[in-house]
Amino acid sequence: QVVIPAANPACHDALAPMVAAAGFAQSPLLTDGKAREAMVAADVVLLASGTATLEAMLAKRAMVVGYKVAPLTYRIVKAFGMLKVERYALPNVLAGSDVAPELMQDDCTPENLAAAVLNQFQHPEITGALQPRYRELHESLRQDASARAADAIAGLLRSGGFPS
């Protein structure tokens, strides 16, 4: 079952006729919001690059990440050598490797996205293999957060920054 969580009622109203006209063998479930619930229940999540990729990683979900910017913007950024990153999705950036497929710009087509999602869906061993890596990344985030919080508190104690 494909689930499409609409961000708001206006998105739901815009998506409903498109979903109806798409001719799916089994009609997708279009929900009002509930993106988090849909993500946690999913076998594979298709999402745009951003903080949602971190949420999917923390939920230990297989994902496919797509991202496009305006073609003119992309050409300008490429022409001036301003694009210096190899990875965009936060889990991939944190891991320093490709733990989630990323389809960017010209590669981000409906056909490529569908193929990547189907590959993840048809090969559950991919998700199984990612679980330990996702746990490691999650733990490193938790440790870093604790260390940063401790450093901030120590700094406040040293500076006398706590209110009395």
Protein backbone atom coordinates (compact mmCIF):
# COMPACT_ATOMS: atom_id res chain seq x y z
CA GLN A 1 0.00 0.00 0.00
CA VAL A 2 1.35 3.39 -0.98
CA VAL A 3 0.63 6.14 1.55
CA ILE A 4 0.93 9.81 0.64
CA PRO A 5 0.75 12.17 3.62
CA ALA A 6 -0.40 15.60 2.42
CA ALA A 7 1.22 18.47 4.31
CA ASN A 8 -2.04 20.41 4.64
CA PRO A 9 -5.63 20.47 3.30
CA ALA A 10 -4.63 22.55 0.26
CA CYS A 11 -1.99 19.97 -0.70
CA HIS A 12 -4.51 17.18 -0.13
CA ASP A 13 -7.00 18.91 -2.44
CA ALA A 14 -4.30 19.40 -5.10
CA LEU A 15 -3.03 15.81 -4.86
CA ALA A 16 -6.39 14.01 -4.81
CA PRO A 17 -7.24 14.48 -8.52
CA MET A 18 -3.66 13.61 -9.54
CA VAL A 19 -3.76 10.38 -7.53
CA ALA A 20 -7.19 9.53 -8.96
CA ALA A 21 -6.01 10.14 -12.53
CA ALA A 22 -2.71 8.26 -12.17
CA GLY A 23 -4.26 4.86 -12.78
CA PHE A 24 -2.63 2.95 -9.93
CA ALA A 25 -3.52 -0.74 -9.71
CA GLN A 26 -4.20 -0.16 -6.02
CA SER A 27 -5.15 3.39 -5.16
CA PRO A 28 -2.71 5.08 -2.76
CA LEU A 29 -3.96 6.20 0.61
CA LEU A 30 -3.88 10.00 0.72
CA THR A 31 -3.84 11.22 4.32
CA ASP A 32 -4.15 14.63 5.93
CA GLY A 33 -0.78 15.06 7.59
CA LYS A 34 0.41 12.10 9.65
CA ALA A 35 3.76 12.07 7.86
CA ARG A 36 5.57 10.75 10.94
CA GLU A 37 3.11 7.88 11.37
CA ALA A 38 3.34 7.02 7.67
CA MET A 39 7.13 7.08 7.82
CA VAL A 40 7.36 4.81 10.84
CA ALA A 41 4.91 2.33 9.30
CA ALA A 42 6.62 2.31 5.89
CA ASP A 43 8.88 -0.35 4.46
CA VAL A 44 10.51 2.27 2.21
CA VAL A 45 10.23 6.06 2.38
CA LEU A 46 10.56 8.36 -0.63
CA LEU A 47 11.42 11.87 0.47
CA ALA A 48 13.15 15.09 -0.40
CA SER A 49 16.57 15.89 0.98
CA GLY A 50 16.30 17.69 4.31
CA THR A 51 15.59 16.98 7.94
CA ALA A 52 13.03 14.31 6.98
CA THR A 53 15.97 12.11 5.96
CA LEU A 54 17.31 12.34 9.50
CA GLU A 55 13.86 11.44 10.86
CA ALA A 56 13.72 8.41 8.54
CA MET A 57 17.18 7.33 9.68
CA LEU A 58 16.22 7.67 13.35
CA ALA A 59 13.09 5.61 12.61
CA LYS A 60 15.41 3.01 10.98
CA ARG A 61 13.51 3.14 7.67
CA ALA A 62 14.90 2.36 4.25
CA MET A 63 14.70 5.49 2.14
CA VAL A 64 15.26 6.96 -1.27
CA VAL A 65 16.15 10.64 -1.37
CA GLY A 66 15.37 12.94 -4.26
CA TYR A 67 16.19 16.59 -4.69
CA LYS A 68 16.01 19.15 -7.46
CA VAL A 69 16.71 22.85 -7.56
CA ALA A 70 15.71 25.23 -10.33
CA PRO A 71 17.70 24.34 -13.48
CA LEU A 72 19.15 27.84 -13.80
CA THR A 73 20.26 27.84 -10.16
CA TYR A 74 21.90 24.45 -10.62
CA ARG A 75 23.77 25.54 -13.74
CA ILE A 76 25.03 28.73 -12.07
CA VAL A 77 26.18 26.86 -8.97
CA LYS A 78 27.93 24.22 -11.09
CA ALA A 79 29.47 26.77 -13.48
CA PHE A 80 31.04 28.75 -10.65
CA GLY A 81 32.25 25.66 -8.82
CA MET A 82 30.09 26.44 -5.80
CA LEU A 83 28.83 22.88 -5.45
CA LYS A 84 31.42 21.19 -3.28
CA VAL A 85 29.49 18.43 -1.50
CA GLU A 86 29.36 14.80 -2.55
CA ARG A 87 26.26 14.00 -0.52
CA TYR A 88 23.10 15.88 0.34
CA ALA A 89 21.02 13.56 2.53
CA LEU A 90 21.87 14.01 6.21
CA PRO A 91 22.30 10.27 6.92
CA ASN A 92 24.80 10.05 4.06
CA VAL A 93 26.61 13.18 5.23
CA LEU A 94 26.80 11.83 8.79
CA ALA A 95 27.94 8.39 7.63
CA GLY A 96 30.44 9.75 5.13
CA SER A 97 29.09 7.13 2.72
CA ASP A 98 25.94 6.35 0.79
CA VAL A 99 23.58 4.63 3.22
CA ALA A 100 20.54 5.91 1.31
CA PRO A 101 20.28 6.28 -2.46
CA GLU A 102 20.30 9.92 -3.55
CA LEU A 103 18.87 11.00 -6.88
CA MET A 104 19.75 14.59 -7.55
CA GLN A 105 18.89 17.03 -10.28
CA ASP A 106 18.86 15.30 -13.70
CA ASP A 107 18.85 11.85 -12.06
CA CYS A 108 15.77 12.76 -10.02
CA THR A 109 13.13 11.50 -12.45
CA PRO A 110 9.91 9.62 -11.69
CA GLU A 111 11.33 6.53 -13.39
CA ASN A 112 14.59 6.58 -11.42
CA LEU A 113 12.82 7.30 -8.13
CA ALA A 114 10.35 4.45 -8.74
CA ALA A 115 13.18 2.05 -9.65
CA ALA A 116 15.14 2.96 -6.51
CA VAL A 117 12.09 2.57 -4.26
CA LEU A 118 11.21 -0.78 -5.86
CA ASN A 119 14.80 -1.96 -5.42
CA GLN A 120 14.67 -1.15 -1.70
CA PHE A 121 11.21 -2.70 -1.38
CA GLN A 122 12.09 -5.89 -3.24
CA HIS A 123 15.33 -6.39 -1.32
CA PRO A 124 14.51 -6.21 2.41
CA GLU A 125 18.03 -7.40 3.16
CA ILE A 126 19.14 -3.87 2.22
CA THR A 127 17.10 -2.49 5.11
CA GLY A 128 18.35 -5.23 7.40
CA ALA A 129 21.95 -4.39 6.56
CA LEU A 130 21.30 -0.71 7.25
CA GLN A 131 19.91 -1.24 10.74
CA PRO A 132 23.28 -1.54 12.52
CA ARG A 133 24.62 1.50 10.63
CA TYR A 134 21.52 3.55 11.46
CA ARG A 135 21.90 2.55 15.13
CA GLU A 136 25.57 3.64 15.10
CA LEU A 137 24.67 6.99 13.57
CA HIS A 138 21.80 7.46 16.03
CA GLU A 139 24.10 6.68 18.95
CA SER A 140 26.77 9.08 17.69
CA LEU A 141 24.16 11.84 17.48
CA ARG A 142 23.03 11.11 21.03
CA GLN A 143 26.60 11.12 22.32
CA ASP A 144 27.45 14.31 20.52
CA ALA A 145 24.30 15.96 21.85
CA SER A 146 25.15 14.92 25.41
CA ALA A 147 28.72 16.17 25.07
CA ARG A 148 27.55 19.49 23.64
CA ALA A 149 25.01 19.91 26.43
CA ALA A 150 27.65 19.12 29.06
CA ASP A 151 30.06 21.60 27.47
CA ALA A 152 27.37 24.28 27.43
CA ILE A 153 26.53 23.70 31.11
CA ALA A 154 30.22 23.71 32.06
CA GLY A 155 30.64 26.98 30.19
CA LEU A 156 27.70 28.51 32.05
CA LEU A 157 29.11 27.33 35.37
CA ARG A 158 32.53 28.81 34.59
CA SER A 159 31.06 32.12 33.51
CA GLY A 160 28.51 32.32 36.29
CA GLY A 161 25.83 32.47 33.61
CA PHE A 162 23.13 30.65 35.58
CA PRO A 163 20.36 32.87 36.95
CA SER A 164 20.08 32.89 40.73
